[in-house]
Amino acid sequence: MEPESVLSTLGDKYTPEILQTTYEPKSAQELSEELDIPIATSYRRVEELEEAGLLELEGKEFSDEGRQRKVYRRSVEEISVELGDGDIDVDYQERTEAKNALNDVWSDLRTG
């Protein structure tokens, strides 16, 4: 995705909160409920973030109602923007599998 498009996506309402919250897998429904985002907006932001390469499909899980839903996790740990002479450069520090696993263990310890 072009740097300008990534910056535009990052500037959308709720995007920073979604990226901050998805250090562990979350569904669009969970994001909507936790962050008080309209459900349609939550799905739209998840799709935009996935297209930008900032969020990735982690898998599927069952909701409390027994419905299968997709869960997403941010795919970046850090984003840096460099504004040059007429150029914009966006760099990502990707999350590692080890970081994801560590966050999962930490999350399980907090909730279990």
N, C-alpha and C. Protein backbone atom coordinates (compact mmCIF):
# COMPACT_ATOMS: atom_id res chain seq x y z
N MET A 1 0.84 -1.18 0.00
CA MET A 1 0.00 0.00 0.00
C MET A 1 0.89 1.25 0.00
N GLU A 2 0.42 2.26 -0.66
CA GLU A 2 1.18 3.51 -0.75
C GLU A 2 1.26 4.19 0.63
N PRO A 3 2.38 4.87 0.92
CA PRO A 3 2.52 5.54 2.21
C PRO A 3 1.38 6.51 2.52
N GLU A 4 0.92 7.23 1.51
CA GLU A 4 -0.18 8.18 1.74
C GLU A 4 -1.45 7.46 2.18
N SER A 5 -1.70 6.28 1.59
CA SER A 5 -2.88 5.49 1.96
C SER A 5 -2.75 4.96 3.39
N VAL A 6 -1.55 4.52 3.75
CA VAL A 6 -1.32 4.03 5.12
C VAL A 6 -1.55 5.16 6.11
N LEU A 7 -1.01 6.34 5.82
CA LEU A 7 -1.22 7.48 6.72
C LEU A 7 -2.69 7.85 6.81
N SER A 8 -3.38 7.80 5.71
CA SER A 8 -4.81 8.09 5.72
C SER A 8 -5.56 7.09 6.60
N THR A 9 -5.21 5.82 6.47
CA THR A 9 -5.83 4.78 7.29
C THR A 9 -5.51 5.00 8.77
N LEU A 10 -4.28 5.34 9.07
CA LEU A 10 -3.89 5.59 10.46
C LEU A 10 -4.62 6.78 11.05
N GLY A 11 -5.01 7.72 10.20
CA GLY A 11 -5.69 8.92 10.66
C GLY A 11 -7.18 8.74 10.85
N ASP A 12 -7.73 7.59 10.44
CA ASP A 12 -9.16 7.36 10.61
C ASP A 12 -9.53 7.20 12.07
N LYS A 13 -10.73 7.67 12.39
CA LYS A 13 -11.25 7.56 13.75
C LYS A 13 -11.29 6.08 14.15
N TYR A 14 -10.85 5.78 15.34
CA TYR A 14 -10.81 4.45 15.97
C TYR A 14 -9.61 3.60 15.59
N THR A 15 -8.90 3.94 14.52
CA THR A 15 -7.78 3.11 14.09
C THR A 15 -6.71 2.97 15.16
N PRO A 16 -6.25 4.04 15.80
CA PRO A 16 -5.23 3.86 16.84
C PRO A 16 -5.70 2.95 17.97
N GLU A 17 -6.95 3.09 18.38
CA GLU A 17 -7.48 2.26 19.46
C GLU A 17 -7.53 0.79 19.05
N ILE A 18 -7.92 0.54 17.81
CA ILE A 18 -7.98 -0.84 17.31
C ILE A 18 -6.58 -1.45 17.29
N LEU A 19 -5.60 -0.72 16.78
CA LEU A 19 -4.23 -1.24 16.74
C LEU A 19 -3.68 -1.47 18.14
N GLN A 20 -3.99 -0.59 19.06
CA GLN A 20 -3.51 -0.75 20.43
C GLN A 20 -4.14 -1.99 21.08
N THR A 21 -5.41 -2.21 20.84
CA THR A 21 -6.14 -3.30 21.48
C THR A 21 -5.83 -4.67 20.89
N THR A 22 -5.42 -4.71 19.64
CA THR A 22 -5.21 -6.00 18.98
C THR A 22 -3.80 -6.56 19.20
N TYR A 23 -3.20 -6.26 20.34
CA TYR A 23 -1.97 -6.94 20.71
C TYR A 23 -2.28 -8.41 20.98
N GLU A 24 -3.56 -8.70 21.26
CA GLU A 24 -4.05 -10.07 21.34
C GLU A 24 -5.22 -10.19 20.38
N PRO A 25 -5.51 -11.40 19.91
CA PRO A 25 -6.55 -11.57 18.90
C PRO A 25 -7.92 -11.06 19.36
N LYS A 26 -8.59 -10.33 18.48
CA LYS A 26 -9.92 -9.78 18.75
C LYS A 26 -10.75 -9.87 17.48
N SER A 27 -12.04 -10.08 17.66
CA SER A 27 -12.96 -10.04 16.52
C SER A 27 -13.46 -8.62 16.35
N ALA A 28 -14.06 -8.34 15.20
CA ALA A 28 -14.65 -7.02 14.97
C ALA A 28 -15.75 -6.75 15.99
N GLN A 29 -16.49 -7.78 16.36
CA GLN A 29 -17.55 -7.64 17.36
C GLN A 29 -16.96 -7.26 18.72
N GLU A 30 -15.88 -7.93 19.13
CA GLU A 30 -15.24 -7.61 20.40
C GLU A 30 -14.70 -6.18 20.39
N LEU A 31 -14.09 -5.79 19.28
CA LEU A 31 -13.58 -4.42 19.17
C LEU A 31 -14.71 -3.42 19.29
N SER A 32 -15.82 -3.71 18.64
CA SER A 32 -16.99 -2.83 18.70
C SER A 32 -17.46 -2.65 20.14
N GLU A 33 -17.57 -3.75 20.86
CA GLU A 33 -18.05 -3.71 22.24
C GLU A 33 -17.05 -3.05 23.18
N GLU A 34 -15.78 -3.45 23.09
CA GLU A 34 -14.76 -2.94 24.00
C GLU A 34 -14.47 -1.45 23.80
N LEU A 35 -14.47 -1.02 22.55
CA LEU A 35 -14.08 0.35 22.23
C LEU A 35 -15.26 1.27 21.95
N ASP A 36 -16.46 0.73 22.07
CA ASP A 36 -17.69 1.48 21.83
C ASP A 36 -17.69 2.09 20.43
N ILE A 37 -17.42 1.21 19.45
CA ILE A 37 -17.39 1.58 18.04
C ILE A 37 -18.64 0.99 17.38
N PRO A 38 -19.32 1.74 16.53
CA PRO A 38 -20.43 1.13 15.80
C PRO A 38 -19.94 -0.11 15.05
N ILE A 39 -20.75 -1.18 15.05
CA ILE A 39 -20.31 -2.46 14.48
C ILE A 39 -19.91 -2.34 13.01
N ALA A 40 -20.67 -1.59 12.22
CA ALA A 40 -20.32 -1.44 10.80
C ALA A 40 -18.96 -0.75 10.65
N THR A 41 -18.71 0.23 11.49
CA THR A 41 -17.41 0.94 11.46
C THR A 41 -16.30 0.01 11.88
N SER A 42 -16.54 -0.82 12.88
CA SER A 42 -15.54 -1.76 13.34
C SER A 42 -15.13 -2.71 12.21
N TYR A 43 -16.11 -3.28 11.52
CA TYR A 43 -15.79 -4.17 10.39
C TYR A 43 -15.04 -3.42 9.30
N ARG A 44 -15.44 -2.20 9.01
CA ARG A 44 -14.79 -1.41 7.97
C ARG A 44 -13.34 -1.10 8.34
N ARG A 45 -13.10 -0.70 9.58
CA ARG A 45 -11.73 -0.39 10.01
C ARG A 45 -10.85 -1.63 9.99
N VAL A 46 -11.39 -2.76 10.42
CA VAL A 46 -10.63 -4.01 10.39
C VAL A 46 -10.23 -4.33 8.96
N GLU A 47 -11.15 -4.21 8.03
CA GLU A 47 -10.86 -4.47 6.62
C GLU A 47 -9.79 -3.52 6.09
N GLU A 48 -9.90 -2.24 6.41
CA GLU A 48 -8.92 -1.26 5.95
C GLU A 48 -7.53 -1.55 6.53
N LEU A 49 -7.49 -1.89 7.80
CA LEU A 49 -6.21 -2.18 8.45
C LEU A 49 -5.59 -3.46 7.89
N GLU A 50 -6.42 -4.43 7.57
CA GLU A 50 -5.92 -5.66 6.97
C GLU A 50 -5.36 -5.37 5.58
N GLU A 51 -6.07 -4.58 4.79
CA GLU A 51 -5.60 -4.21 3.45
C GLU A 51 -4.28 -3.43 3.51
N ALA A 52 -4.11 -2.63 4.56
CA ALA A 52 -2.88 -1.84 4.72
C ALA A 52 -1.73 -2.69 5.26
N GLY A 53 -2.01 -3.94 5.65
CA GLY A 53 -0.97 -4.81 6.17
C GLY A 53 -0.67 -4.56 7.64
N LEU A 54 -1.54 -3.86 8.33
CA LEU A 54 -1.31 -3.54 9.74
C LEU A 54 -2.03 -4.49 10.69
N LEU A 55 -2.98 -5.23 10.16
CA LEU A 55 -3.76 -6.19 10.94
C LEU A 55 -3.80 -7.46 10.12
N GLU A 56 -3.75 -8.62 10.79
CA GLU A 56 -3.81 -9.87 10.05
C GLU A 56 -4.79 -10.83 10.70
N LEU A 57 -5.35 -11.66 9.87
CA LEU A 57 -6.27 -12.68 10.35
C LEU A 57 -5.48 -13.68 11.17
N GLU A 58 -5.86 -13.83 12.43
CA GLU A 58 -5.18 -14.75 13.33
C GLU A 58 -5.81 -16.14 13.26
N GLY A 59 -7.11 -16.18 13.01
CA GLY A 59 -7.81 -17.46 12.95
C GLY A 59 -9.29 -17.25 13.16
N LYS A 60 -9.95 -18.31 13.58
CA LYS A 60 -11.37 -18.24 13.86
C LYS A 60 -11.64 -18.83 15.23
N GLU A 61 -12.68 -18.32 15.88
CA GLU A 61 -13.08 -18.84 17.17
C GLU A 61 -14.60 -18.78 17.25
N PHE A 62 -15.14 -19.40 18.27
CA PHE A 62 -16.58 -19.38 18.46
C PHE A 62 -16.96 -18.33 19.49
N SER A 63 -18.01 -17.58 19.19
CA SER A 63 -18.53 -16.58 20.12
C SER A 63 -19.31 -17.29 21.22
N ASP A 64 -19.72 -16.55 22.23
CA ASP A 64 -20.53 -17.11 23.31
C ASP A 64 -21.85 -17.67 22.79
N GLU A 65 -22.30 -17.13 21.67
CA GLU A 65 -23.55 -17.59 21.06
C GLU A 65 -23.33 -18.81 20.16
N GLY A 66 -22.10 -19.27 20.03
CA GLY A 66 -21.79 -20.44 19.22
C GLY A 66 -21.55 -20.15 17.75
N ARG A 67 -21.45 -18.88 17.39
CA ARG A 67 -21.17 -18.53 16.00
C ARG A 67 -19.67 -18.40 15.79
N GLN A 68 -19.23 -18.85 14.61
CA GLN A 68 -17.82 -18.74 14.28
C GLN A 68 -17.52 -17.32 13.83
N ARG A 69 -16.41 -16.77 14.31
CA ARG A 69 -16.03 -15.42 13.91
C ARG A 69 -14.52 -15.35 13.72
N LYS A 70 -14.12 -14.43 12.86
CA LYS A 70 -12.71 -14.22 12.59
C LYS A 70 -12.11 -13.34 13.69
N VAL A 71 -10.88 -13.65 14.06
CA VAL A 71 -10.16 -12.81 15.02
C VAL A 71 -8.88 -12.31 14.36
N TYR A 72 -8.53 -11.08 14.70
CA TYR A 72 -7.41 -10.38 14.08
C TYR A 72 -6.42 -9.93 15.14
N ARG A 73 -5.18 -9.83 14.73
CA ARG A 73 -4.11 -9.33 15.60
C ARG A 73 -3.28 -8.36 14.77
N ARG A 74 -2.79 -7.32 15.43
CA ARG A 74 -1.95 -6.39 14.68
C ARG A 74 -0.69 -7.12 14.23
N SER A 75 -0.23 -6.76 13.07
CA SER A 75 0.94 -7.42 12.49
C SER A 75 2.20 -6.58 12.64
N VAL A 76 2.06 -5.42 13.25
CA VAL A 76 3.21 -4.53 13.44
C VAL A 76 3.36 -4.20 14.92
N GLU A 77 4.58 -3.98 15.29
CA GLU A 77 4.89 -3.55 16.66
C GLU A 77 5.15 -2.04 16.69
N GLU A 78 5.66 -1.56 15.57
CA GLU A 78 6.02 -0.15 15.51
C GLU A 78 5.86 0.35 14.08
N ILE A 79 5.43 1.61 13.97
CA ILE A 79 5.31 2.25 12.66
C ILE A 79 6.07 3.57 12.74
N SER A 80 6.93 3.80 11.75
CA SER A 80 7.63 5.08 11.72
C SER A 80 7.37 5.77 10.39
N VAL A 81 7.24 7.07 10.46
CA VAL A 81 6.97 7.89 9.28
C VAL A 81 8.09 8.89 9.14
N GLU A 82 8.64 8.96 7.94
CA GLU A 82 9.69 9.93 7.66
C GLU A 82 9.21 10.84 6.53
N LEU A 83 9.21 12.12 6.80
CA LEU A 83 8.79 13.10 5.80
C LEU A 83 10.04 13.73 5.19
N GLY A 84 10.26 13.44 3.94
CA GLY A 84 11.43 13.97 3.25
C GLY A 84 11.05 15.14 2.37
N ASP A 85 11.92 15.46 1.46
CA ASP A 85 11.70 16.55 0.52
C ASP A 85 10.72 16.06 -0.56
N GLY A 86 9.43 16.18 -0.28
CA GLY A 86 8.42 15.74 -1.23
C GLY A 86 8.07 14.27 -1.15
N ASP A 87 8.74 13.54 -0.27
CA ASP A 87 8.50 12.10 -0.13
C ASP A 87 7.98 11.79 1.27
N ILE A 88 7.20 10.74 1.35
CA ILE A 88 6.78 10.19 2.63
C ILE A 88 7.21 8.74 2.65
N ASP A 89 7.89 8.34 3.71
CA ASP A 89 8.35 6.96 3.85
C ASP A 89 7.74 6.38 5.12
N VAL A 90 7.07 5.24 5.00
CA VAL A 90 6.47 4.57 6.14
C VAL A 90 7.17 3.23 6.31
N ASP A 91 7.74 3.00 7.48
CA ASP A 91 8.41 1.74 7.79
C ASP A 91 7.68 1.05 8.93
N TYR A 92 7.70 -0.28 8.90
CA TYR A 92 7.04 -1.08 9.92
C TYR A 92 8.05 -1.97 10.61
N GLN A 93 7.88 -2.15 11.89
CA GLN A 93 8.59 -3.20 12.60
C GLN A 93 7.55 -4.26 12.87
N GLU A 94 7.69 -5.39 12.19
CA GLU A 94 6.68 -6.44 12.30
C GLU A 94 6.77 -7.14 13.65
N ARG A 95 5.62 -7.64 14.08
CA ARG A 95 5.56 -8.45 15.30
C ARG A 95 6.07 -9.84 14.97
N THR A 96 6.80 -10.41 15.87
CA THR A 96 7.31 -11.76 15.67
C THR A 96 6.34 -12.76 16.28
N GLU A 97 6.45 -14.00 15.85
CA GLU A 97 5.63 -15.07 16.42
C GLU A 97 5.93 -15.21 17.92
N ALA A 98 7.19 -15.00 18.29
CA ALA A 98 7.56 -15.10 19.71
C ALA A 98 6.84 -14.02 20.51
N LYS A 99 6.75 -12.82 19.98
CA LYS A 99 6.04 -11.74 20.65
C LYS A 99 4.56 -12.07 20.79
N ASN A 100 3.97 -12.62 19.74
CA ASN A 100 2.56 -13.01 19.79
C ASN A 100 2.35 -14.09 20.85
N ALA A 101 3.22 -15.09 20.89
CA ALA A 101 3.09 -16.17 21.86
C ALA A 101 3.25 -15.65 23.28
N LEU A 102 4.20 -14.75 23.48
CA LEU A 102 4.41 -14.17 24.81
C LEU A 102 3.17 -13.38 25.26
N ASN A 103 2.59 -12.61 24.36
CA ASN A 103 1.38 -11.88 24.70
C ASN A 103 0.23 -12.82 25.01
N ASP A 104 0.13 -13.94 24.30
CA ASP A 104 -0.93 -14.91 24.58
C ASP A 104 -0.77 -15.51 25.97
N VAL A 105 0.44 -15.87 26.34
CA VAL A 105 0.70 -16.43 27.66
C VAL A 105 0.38 -15.41 28.73
N TRP A 106 0.83 -14.19 28.54
CA TRP A 106 0.57 -13.10 29.50
C TRP A 106 -0.93 -12.86 29.64
N SER A 107 -1.65 -12.86 28.54
CA SER A 107 -3.09 -12.67 28.57
C SER A 107 -3.78 -13.79 29.32
N ASP A 108 -3.33 -15.05 29.09
CA ASP A 108 -3.91 -16.20 29.79
C ASP A 108 -3.66 -16.11 31.30
N LEU A 109 -2.49 -15.65 31.68
CA LEU A 109 -2.18 -15.51 33.11
C LEU A 109 -3.05 -14.45 33.78
N ARG A 110 -3.34 -13.36 33.05
CA ARG A 110 -4.17 -12.29 33.62
C ARG A 110 -5.62 -12.71 33.77
N THR A 111 -6.12 -13.51 32.82
CA THR A 111 -7.54 -13.86 32.83
C THR A 111 -7.81 -15.20 33.49
N GLY A 112 -6.81 -16.02 33.64
CA GLY A 112 -7.03 -17.37 34.13
C GLY A 112 -6.71 -17.53 35.54
